Amino acid sequence: EAYKEAKDESRFENGHDSYAGTIGASHGFTDVTAA
C-alpha cells in the first residue's frame, strides 16, 4: 500500500513518464527489511 501511494504521488507530481527518474518510474519493490 505504501509503495503504491508513493508511486501515485510521484506520478502526480512528475507525470507518468517512464524516464522521470523517480519512484514513479520503478518496477515493483523487493522487501529487504530482514537485511
PDB file of all heavy atoms in Angstrom:
ATOM      1  N   GLU A   1       0.833  -1.202   0.000  1.00  0.00           N
ATOM      2  CA  GLU A   1       0.000   0.000   0.000  1.00  0.00           C
ATOM      3  C   GLU A   1       0.875   1.262   0.000  1.00  0.00           C
ATOM      4  O   GLU A   1       0.607   2.223  -0.726  1.00  0.00           O
ATOM      5  CB  GLU A   1      -0.911  -0.003   1.227  1.00  0.00           C
ATOM      6  CG  GLU A   1      -1.817   1.204   1.329  1.00  0.00           C
ATOM      7  CD  GLU A   1      -2.615   1.211   2.629  1.00  0.00           C
ATOM      8  OE1 GLU A   1      -3.347   0.239   2.870  1.00  0.00           O
ATOM      9  OE2 GLU A   1      -2.490   2.189   3.395  1.00  0.00           O
ATOM     10  N   ALA A   2       1.934   1.261   0.816  1.00  0.00           N
ATOM     11  CA  ALA A   2       2.838   2.414   0.885  1.00  0.00           C
ATOM     12  C   ALA A   2       3.557   2.620  -0.442  1.00  0.00           C
ATOM     13  O   ALA A   2       3.715   3.757  -0.903  1.00  0.00           O
ATOM     14  CB  ALA A   2       3.854   2.228   2.010  1.00  0.00           C
ATOM     15  N   TYR A   3       3.990   1.526  -1.089  1.00  0.00           N
ATOM     16  CA  TYR A   3       4.662   1.630  -2.385  1.00  0.00           C
ATOM     17  C   TYR A   3       3.713   2.227  -3.430  1.00  0.00           C
ATOM     18  O   TYR A   3       4.084   3.134  -4.177  1.00  0.00           O
ATOM     19  CB  TYR A   3       5.160   0.254  -2.847  1.00  0.00           C
ATOM     20  CG  TYR A   3       5.729   0.269  -4.253  1.00  0.00           C
ATOM     21  CD1 TYR A   3       6.987   0.793  -4.513  1.00  0.00           C
ATOM     22  CD2 TYR A   3       4.993  -0.231  -5.315  1.00  0.00           C
ATOM     23  CE1 TYR A   3       7.502   0.819  -5.796  1.00  0.00           C
ATOM     24  CE2 TYR A   3       5.500  -0.203  -6.599  1.00  0.00           C
ATOM     25  CZ  TYR A   3       6.755   0.316  -6.841  1.00  0.00           C
ATOM     26  OH  TYR A   3       7.253   0.351  -8.123  1.00  0.00           O
ATOM     27  N   LYS A   4       2.483   1.719  -3.467  1.00  0.00           N
ATOM     28  CA  LYS A   4       1.506   2.232  -4.438  1.00  0.00           C
ATOM     29  C   LYS A   4       1.259   3.720  -4.213  1.00  0.00           C
ATOM     30  O   LYS A   4       1.211   4.499  -5.158  1.00  0.00           O
ATOM     31  CB  LYS A   4       0.192   1.449  -4.334  1.00  0.00           C
ATOM     32  CG  LYS A   4      -0.851   1.895  -5.344  1.00  0.00           C
ATOM     33  CD  LYS A   4      -2.171   1.200  -5.108  1.00  0.00           C
ATOM     34  CE  LYS A   4      -3.245   1.643  -6.048  1.00  0.00           C
ATOM     35  NZ  LYS A   4      -3.402   3.060  -6.260  1.00  0.00           N
ATOM     36  N   GLU A   5       1.117   4.118  -2.952  1.00  0.00           N
ATOM     37  CA  GLU A   5       0.877   5.528  -2.628  1.00  0.00           C
ATOM     38  C   GLU A   5       2.069   6.400  -3.036  1.00  0.00           C
ATOM     39  O   GLU A   5       1.899   7.476  -3.607  1.00  0.00           O
ATOM     40  CB  GLU A   5       0.586   5.671  -1.130  1.00  0.00           C
ATOM     41  CG  GLU A   5       0.180   7.061  -0.709  1.00  0.00           C
ATOM     42  CD  GLU A   5      -1.146   7.521  -1.271  1.00  0.00           C
ATOM     43  OE1 GLU A   5      -2.023   6.686  -1.544  1.00  0.00           O
ATOM     44  OE2 GLU A   5      -1.297   8.745  -1.459  1.00  0.00           O
ATOM     45  N   ALA A   6       3.290   5.931  -2.744  1.00  0.00           N
ATOM     46  CA  ALA A   6       4.499   6.688  -3.107  1.00  0.00           C
ATOM     47  C   ALA A   6       4.602   6.819  -4.627  1.00  0.00           C
ATOM     48  O   ALA A   6       4.936   7.887  -5.156  1.00  0.00           O
ATOM     49  CB  ALA A   6       5.744   6.003  -2.550  1.00  0.00           C
ATOM     50  N   LYS A   7       4.301   5.748  -5.327  1.00  0.00           N
ATOM     51  CA  LYS A   7       4.361   5.765  -6.792  1.00  0.00           C
ATOM     52  C   LYS A   7       3.295   6.706  -7.373  1.00  0.00           C
ATOM     53  O   LYS A   7       3.572   7.494  -8.273  1.00  0.00           O
ATOM     54  CB  LYS A   7       4.186   4.340  -7.326  1.00  0.00           C
ATOM     55  CG  LYS A   7       4.516   4.193  -8.789  1.00  0.00           C
ATOM     56  CD  LYS A   7       4.680   2.739  -9.162  1.00  0.00           C
ATOM     57  CE  LYS A   7       4.939   2.665 -10.648  1.00  0.00           C
ATOM     58  NZ  LYS A   7       5.665   1.503 -11.054  1.00  0.00           N
ATOM     59  N   ASP A   8       2.075   6.635  -6.820  1.00  0.00           N
ATOM     60  CA  ASP A   8       0.989   7.511  -7.280  1.00  0.00           C
ATOM     61  C   ASP A   8       1.321   8.984  -7.038  1.00  0.00           C
ATOM     62  O   ASP A   8       1.090   9.832  -7.897  1.00  0.00           O
ATOM     63  CB  ASP A   8      -0.332   7.161  -6.582  1.00  0.00           C
ATOM     64  CG  ASP A   8      -0.927   5.846  -7.062  1.00  0.00           C
ATOM     65  OD1 ASP A   8      -0.448   5.300  -8.081  1.00  0.00           O
ATOM     66  OD2 ASP A   8      -1.861   5.359  -6.398  1.00  0.00           O
ATOM     67  N   GLU A   9       1.860   9.305  -5.844  1.00  0.00           N
ATOM     68  CA  GLU A   9       2.238  10.690  -5.537  1.00  0.00           C
ATOM     69  C   GLU A   9       3.316  11.184  -6.498  1.00  0.00           C
ATOM     70  O   GLU A   9       3.269  12.314  -6.977  1.00  0.00           O
ATOM     71  CB  GLU A   9       2.736  10.810  -4.097  1.00  0.00           C
ATOM     72  CG  GLU A   9       1.641  10.811  -3.074  1.00  0.00           C
ATOM     73  CD  GLU A   9       2.163  10.910  -1.647  1.00  0.00           C
ATOM     74  OE1 GLU A   9       3.327  11.329  -1.447  1.00  0.00           O
ATOM     75  OE2 GLU A   9       1.401  10.564  -0.725  1.00  0.00           O
ATOM     76  N   SER A  10       4.298  10.334  -6.764  1.00  0.00           N
ATOM     77  CA  SER A  10       5.382  10.700  -7.671  1.00  0.00           C
ATOM     78  C   SER A  10       4.845  10.957  -9.077  1.00  0.00           C
ATOM     79  O   SER A  10       5.239  11.919  -9.733  1.00  0.00           O
ATOM     80  CB  SER A  10       6.436   9.591  -7.704  1.00  0.00           C
ATOM     81  OG  SER A  10       7.406   9.872  -8.679  1.00  0.00           O
ATOM     82  N   ARG A  11       3.953  10.098  -9.520  1.00  0.00           N
ATOM     83  CA  ARG A  11       3.375  10.276 -10.866  1.00  0.00           C
ATOM     84  C   ARG A  11       2.527  11.534 -10.935  1.00  0.00           C
ATOM     85  O   ARG A  11       2.488  12.204 -11.957  1.00  0.00           O
ATOM     86  CB  ARG A  11       2.562   9.051 -11.248  1.00  0.00           C
ATOM     87  CG  ARG A  11       3.429   7.879 -11.603  1.00  0.00           C
ATOM     88  CD  ARG A  11       2.605   6.700 -12.011  1.00  0.00           C
ATOM     89  NE  ARG A  11       3.435   5.688 -12.633  1.00  0.00           N
ATOM     90  CZ  ARG A  11       2.998   4.510 -12.983  1.00  0.00           C
ATOM     91  NH1 ARG A  11       1.739   4.192 -12.794  1.00  0.00           N
ATOM     92  NH2 ARG A  11       3.813   3.641 -13.542  1.00  0.00           N
ATOM     93  N   PHE A  12       1.840  11.867  -9.838  1.00  0.00           N
ATOM     94  CA  PHE A  12       1.034  13.084  -9.810  1.00  0.00           C
ATOM     95  C   PHE A  12       1.942  14.315  -9.921  1.00  0.00           C
ATOM     96  O   PHE A  12       1.636  15.258 -10.651  1.00  0.00           O
ATOM     97  CB  PHE A  12       0.204  13.143  -8.522  1.00  0.00           C
ATOM     98  CG  PHE A  12      -0.617  14.391  -8.397  1.00  0.00           C
ATOM     99  CD1 PHE A  12      -1.782  14.544  -9.124  1.00  0.00           C
ATOM    100  CD2 PHE A  12      -0.217  15.422  -7.567  1.00  0.00           C
ATOM    101  CE1 PHE A  12      -2.538  15.702  -9.024  1.00  0.00           C
ATOM    102  CE2 PHE A  12      -0.959  16.580  -7.456  1.00  0.00           C
ATOM    103  CZ  PHE A  12      -2.127  16.726  -8.185  1.00  0.00           C
ATOM    104  N   GLU A  13       3.056  14.297  -9.193  1.00  0.00           N
ATOM    105  CA  GLU A  13       3.962  15.442  -9.181  1.00  0.00           C
ATOM    106  C   GLU A  13       4.866  15.516 -10.410  1.00  0.00           C
ATOM    107  O   GLU A  13       5.204  16.600 -10.866  1.00  0.00           O
ATOM    108  CB  GLU A  13       4.826  15.411  -7.919  1.00  0.00           C
ATOM    109  CG  GLU A  13       4.038  15.673  -6.658  1.00  0.00           C
ATOM    110  CD  GLU A  13       4.881  15.566  -5.402  1.00  0.00           C
ATOM    111  OE1 GLU A  13       6.121  15.576  -5.497  1.00  0.00           O
ATOM    112  OE2 GLU A  13       4.292  15.475  -4.309  1.00  0.00           O
ATOM    113  N   ASN A  14       5.283  14.365 -10.938  1.00  0.00           N
ATOM    114  CA  ASN A  14       6.281  14.346 -12.005  1.00  0.00           C
ATOM    115  C   ASN A  14       5.768  13.822 -13.344  1.00  0.00           C
ATOM    116  O   ASN A  14       6.532  13.724 -14.293  1.00  0.00           O
ATOM    117  CB  ASN A  14       7.481  13.489 -11.569  1.00  0.00           C
ATOM    118  CG  ASN A  14       8.070  13.977 -10.273  1.00  0.00           C
ATOM    119  OD1 ASN A  14       8.534  15.098 -10.179  1.00  0.00           O
ATOM    120  ND2 ASN A  14       8.015  13.146  -9.243  1.00  0.00           N
ATOM    121  N   GLY A  15       4.526  13.409 -13.401  1.00  0.00           N
ATOM    122  CA  GLY A  15       3.968  12.866 -14.630  1.00  0.00           C
ATOM    123  C   GLY A  15       4.211  11.365 -14.735  1.00  0.00           C
ATOM    124  O   GLY A  15       4.909  10.766 -13.933  1.00  0.00           O
ATOM    125  N   HIS A  16       3.635  10.773 -15.758  1.00  0.00           N
ATOM    126  CA  HIS A  16       3.707   9.321 -15.950  1.00  0.00           C
ATOM    127  C   HIS A  16       4.856   8.898 -16.853  1.00  0.00           C
ATOM    128  O   HIS A  16       4.870   7.785 -17.363  1.00  0.00           O
ATOM    129  CB  HIS A  16       2.383   8.803 -16.527  1.00  0.00           C
ATOM    130  CG  HIS A  16       1.252   8.870 -15.546  1.00  0.00           C
ATOM    131  ND1 HIS A  16       0.904   7.812 -14.760  1.00  0.00           N
ATOM    132  CD2 HIS A  16       0.413   9.879 -15.199  1.00  0.00           C
ATOM    133  CE1 HIS A  16      -0.097   8.146 -13.986  1.00  0.00           C
ATOM    134  NE2 HIS A  16      -0.415   9.401 -14.233  1.00  0.00           N
ATOM    135  N   ASP A  17       5.810   9.771 -17.053  1.00  0.00           N
ATOM    136  CA  ASP A  17       6.947   9.463 -17.912  1.00  0.00           C
ATOM    137  C   ASP A  17       7.741   8.301 -17.338  1.00  0.00           C
ATOM    138  O   ASP A  17       8.119   8.303 -16.171  1.00  0.00           O
ATOM    139  CB  ASP A  17       7.842  10.710 -18.040  1.00  0.00           C
ATOM    140  CG  ASP A  17       8.990  10.516 -19.013  1.00  0.00           C
ATOM    141  OD1 ASP A  17       9.056   9.458 -19.668  1.00  0.00           O
ATOM    142  OD2 ASP A  17       9.818  11.433 -19.107  1.00  0.00           O
ATOM    143  N   SER A  18       8.018   7.275 -18.158  1.00  0.00           N
ATOM    144  CA  SER A  18       8.765   6.110 -17.667  1.00  0.00           C
ATOM    145  C   SER A  18      10.256   6.421 -17.512  1.00  0.00           C
ATOM    146  O   SER A  18      11.027   5.562 -17.109  1.00  0.00           O
ATOM    147  CB  SER A  18       8.555   4.920 -18.598  1.00  0.00           C
ATOM    148  OG  SER A  18       8.945   5.249 -19.902  1.00  0.00           O
ATOM    149  N   TYR A  19      10.658   7.649 -17.821  1.00  0.00           N
ATOM    150  CA  TYR A  19      12.047   8.083 -17.636  1.00  0.00           C
ATOM    151  C   TYR A  19      12.105   9.308 -16.729  1.00  0.00           C
ATOM    152  O   TYR A  19      12.910  10.206 -16.924  1.00  0.00           O
ATOM    153  CB  TYR A  19      12.706   8.387 -18.991  1.00  0.00           C
ATOM    154  CG  TYR A  19      12.887   7.145 -19.814  1.00  0.00           C
ATOM    155  CD1 TYR A  19      11.954   6.780 -20.769  1.00  0.00           C
ATOM    156  CD2 TYR A  19      13.978   6.313 -19.599  1.00  0.00           C
ATOM    157  CE1 TYR A  19      12.111   5.617 -21.507  1.00  0.00           C
ATOM    158  CE2 TYR A  19      14.142   5.147 -20.331  1.00  0.00           C
ATOM    159  CZ  TYR A  19      13.209   4.803 -21.282  1.00  0.00           C
ATOM    160  OH  TYR A  19      13.374   3.647 -21.994  1.00  0.00           O
ATOM    161  N   ALA A  20      11.247   9.348 -15.709  1.00  0.00           N
ATOM    162  CA  ALA A  20      11.170  10.501 -14.811  1.00  0.00           C
ATOM    163  C   ALA A  20      12.279  10.505 -13.761  1.00  0.00           C
ATOM    164  O   ALA A  20      12.531  11.514 -13.137  1.00  0.00           O
ATOM    165  CB  ALA A  20       9.806  10.541 -14.122  1.00  0.00           C
ATOM    166  N   GLY A  21      12.922   9.370 -13.539  1.00  0.00           N
ATOM    167  CA  GLY A  21      13.992   9.295 -12.550  1.00  0.00           C
ATOM    168  C   GLY A  21      13.498   9.287 -11.120  1.00  0.00           C
ATOM    169  O   GLY A  21      14.228   9.633 -10.199  1.00  0.00           O
ATOM    170  N   THR A  22      12.235   8.872 -10.919  1.00  0.00           N
ATOM    171  CA  THR A  22      11.645   8.847  -9.580  1.00  0.00           C
ATOM    172  C   THR A  22      11.073   7.462  -9.303  1.00  0.00           C
ATOM    173  O   THR A  22      11.054   6.603 -10.174  1.00  0.00           O
ATOM    174  CB  THR A  22      10.501   9.871  -9.470  1.00  0.00           C
ATOM    175  OG1 THR A  22       9.450   9.470 -10.366  1.00  0.00           O
ATOM    176  CG2 THR A  22      10.972  11.279  -9.807  1.00  0.00           C
ATOM    177  N   ILE A  23      10.550   7.279  -8.100  1.00  0.00           N
ATOM    178  CA  ILE A  23       9.917   6.003  -7.760  1.00  0.00           C
ATOM    179  C   ILE A  23       8.745   5.709  -8.694  1.00  0.00           C
ATOM    180  O   ILE A  23       8.401   4.561  -8.924  1.00  0.00           O
ATOM    181  CB  ILE A  23       9.473   5.960  -6.275  1.00  0.00           C
ATOM    182  CG1 ILE A  23       9.110   4.523  -5.863  1.00  0.00           C
ATOM    183  CG2 ILE A  23       8.361   6.947  -6.008  1.00  0.00           C
ATOM    184  CD1 ILE A  23       8.895   4.331  -4.385  1.00  0.00           C
ATOM    185  N   GLY A  24       8.158   6.743  -9.260  1.00  0.00           N
ATOM    186  CA  GLY A  24       7.059   6.567 -10.209  1.00  0.00           C
ATOM    187  C   GLY A  24       7.467   5.793 -11.447  1.00  0.00           C
ATOM    188  O   GLY A  24       6.633   5.212 -12.131  1.00  0.00           O
ATOM    189  N   ALA A  25       8.770   5.757 -11.757  1.00  0.00           N
ATOM    190  CA  ALA A  25       9.267   5.019 -12.924  1.00  0.00           C
ATOM    191  C   ALA A  25       9.810   3.644 -12.535  1.00  0.00           C
ATOM    192  O   ALA A  25      10.321   2.915 -13.372  1.00  0.00           O
ATOM    193  CB  ALA A  25      10.359   5.831 -13.620  1.00  0.00           C
ATOM    194  N   SER A  26       9.709   3.287 -11.249  1.00  0.00           N
ATOM    195  CA  SER A  26      10.233   1.997 -10.795  1.00  0.00           C
ATOM    196  C   SER A  26       9.279   0.863 -11.163  1.00  0.00           C
ATOM    197  O   SER A  26       8.118   1.091 -11.485  1.00  0.00           O
ATOM    198  CB  SER A  26      10.481   2.019  -9.278  1.00  0.00           C
ATOM    199  OG  SER A  26       9.263   2.125  -8.588  1.00  0.00           O
ATOM    200  N   HIS A  27       9.787  -0.354 -11.090  1.00  0.00           N
ATOM    201  CA  HIS A  27       9.013  -1.531 -11.490  1.00  0.00           C
ATOM    202  C   HIS A  27       8.885  -2.489 -10.312  1.00  0.00           C
ATOM    203  O   HIS A  27       9.571  -3.487 -10.229  1.00  0.00           O
ATOM    204  CB  HIS A  27       9.686  -2.242 -12.665  1.00  0.00           C
ATOM    205  CG  HIS A  27       9.885  -1.345 -13.849  1.00  0.00           C
ATOM    206  ND1 HIS A  27       8.863  -1.017 -14.699  1.00  0.00           N
ATOM    207  CD2 HIS A  27      10.968  -0.684 -14.298  1.00  0.00           C
ATOM    208  CE1 HIS A  27       9.307  -0.204 -15.628  1.00  0.00           C
ATOM    209  NE2 HIS A  27      10.592   0.019 -15.406  1.00  0.00           N
ATOM    210  N   GLY A  28       8.033  -2.156  -9.356  1.00  0.00           N
ATOM    211  CA  GLY A  28       7.824  -3.004  -8.194  1.00  0.00           C
ATOM    212  C   GLY A  28       8.872  -2.778  -7.116  1.00  0.00           C
ATOM    213  O   GLY A  28       9.709  -1.890  -7.214  1.00  0.00           O
ATOM    214  N   PHE A  29       8.816  -3.614  -6.082  1.00  0.00           N
ATOM    215  CA  PHE A  29       9.766  -3.493  -4.975  1.00  0.00           C
ATOM    216  C   PHE A  29      10.100  -4.875  -4.426  1.00  0.00           C
ATOM    217  O   PHE A  29       9.355  -5.832  -4.601  1.00  0.00           O
ATOM    218  CB  PHE A  29       9.216  -2.603  -3.854  1.00  0.00           C
ATOM    219  CG  PHE A  29       8.049  -3.199  -3.123  1.00  0.00           C
ATOM    220  CD1 PHE A  29       8.247  -3.980  -1.995  1.00  0.00           C
ATOM    221  CD2 PHE A  29       6.749  -2.997  -3.563  1.00  0.00           C
ATOM    222  CE1 PHE A  29       7.176  -4.545  -1.323  1.00  0.00           C
ATOM    223  CE2 PHE A  29       5.670  -3.550  -2.908  1.00  0.00           C
ATOM    224  CZ  PHE A  29       5.889  -4.327  -1.781  1.00  0.00           C
ATOM    225  N   THR A  30      11.240  -4.950  -3.781  1.00  0.00           N
ATOM    226  CA  THR A  30      11.668  -6.154  -3.070  1.00  0.00           C
ATOM    227  C   THR A  30      11.821  -5.781  -1.605  1.00  0.00           C
ATOM    228  O   THR A  30      12.528  -4.824  -1.276  1.00  0.00           O
ATOM    229  CB  THR A  30      13.022  -6.667  -3.621  1.00  0.00           C
ATOM    230  OG1 THR A  30      12.870  -6.948  -5.012  1.00  0.00           O
ATOM    231  CG2 THR A  30      13.473  -7.913  -2.887  1.00  0.00           C
ATOM    232  N   ASP A  31      11.166  -6.541  -0.722  1.00  0.00           N
ATOM    233  CA  ASP A  31      11.238  -6.287   0.719  1.00  0.00           C
ATOM    234  C   ASP A  31      12.569  -6.808   1.245  1.00  0.00           C
ATOM    235  O   ASP A  31      12.840  -8.001   1.215  1.00  0.00           O
ATOM    236  CB  ASP A  31      10.083  -6.986   1.421  1.00  0.00           C
ATOM    237  CG  ASP A  31      10.012  -6.682   2.914  1.00  0.00           C
ATOM    238  OD1 ASP A  31      10.960  -6.074   3.458  1.00  0.00           O
ATOM    239  OD2 ASP A  31       8.994  -7.055   3.527  1.00  0.00           O
ATOM    240  N   VAL A  32      13.426  -5.893   1.722  1.00  0.00           N
ATOM    241  CA  VAL A  32      14.743  -6.262   2.260  1.00  0.00           C
ATOM    242  C   VAL A  32      14.837  -5.903   3.745  1.00  0.00           C
ATOM    243  O   VAL A  32      15.933  -5.728   4.270  1.00  0.00           O
ATOM    244  CB  VAL A  32      15.890  -5.604   1.447  1.00  0.00           C
ATOM    245  CG1 VAL A  32      15.920  -6.151   0.030  1.00  0.00           C
ATOM    246  CG2 VAL A  32      15.778  -4.086   1.441  1.00  0.00           C
ATOM    247  N   THR A  33      13.706  -5.833   4.417  1.00  0.00           N
ATOM    248  CA  THR A  33      13.661  -5.461   5.830  1.00  0.00           C
ATOM    249  C   THR A  33      14.561  -6.356   6.683  1.00  0.00           C
ATOM    250  O   THR A  33      15.284  -5.862   7.557  1.00  0.00           O
ATOM    251  CB  THR A  33      12.213  -5.523   6.360  1.00  0.00           C
ATOM    252  OG1 THR A  33      11.402  -4.673   5.543  1.00  0.00           O
ATOM    253  CG2 THR A  33      12.114  -5.098   7.803  1.00  0.00           C
ATOM    254  N   ALA A  34      14.544  -7.660   6.423  1.00  0.00           N
ATOM    255  CA  ALA A  34      15.326  -8.611   7.237  1.00  0.00           C
ATOM    256  C   ALA A  34      16.816  -8.283   7.201  1.00  0.00           C
ATOM    257  O   ALA A  34      17.513  -8.431   8.214  1.00  0.00           O
ATOM    258  CB  ALA A  34      15.089 -10.031   6.751  1.00  0.00           C
ATOM    259  N   ALA A  35      17.329  -7.820   6.074  1.00  0.00           N
ATOM    260  CA  ALA A  35      18.756  -7.498   5.945  1.00  0.00           C
ATOM    261  C   ALA A  35      19.139  -6.251   6.750  1.00  0.00           C
ATOM    262  O   ALA A  35      20.320  -6.029   7.019  1.00  0.00           O
ATOM    263  CB  ALA A  35      19.119  -7.296   4.481  1.00  0.00           C
TER     264      ALA A  35
END
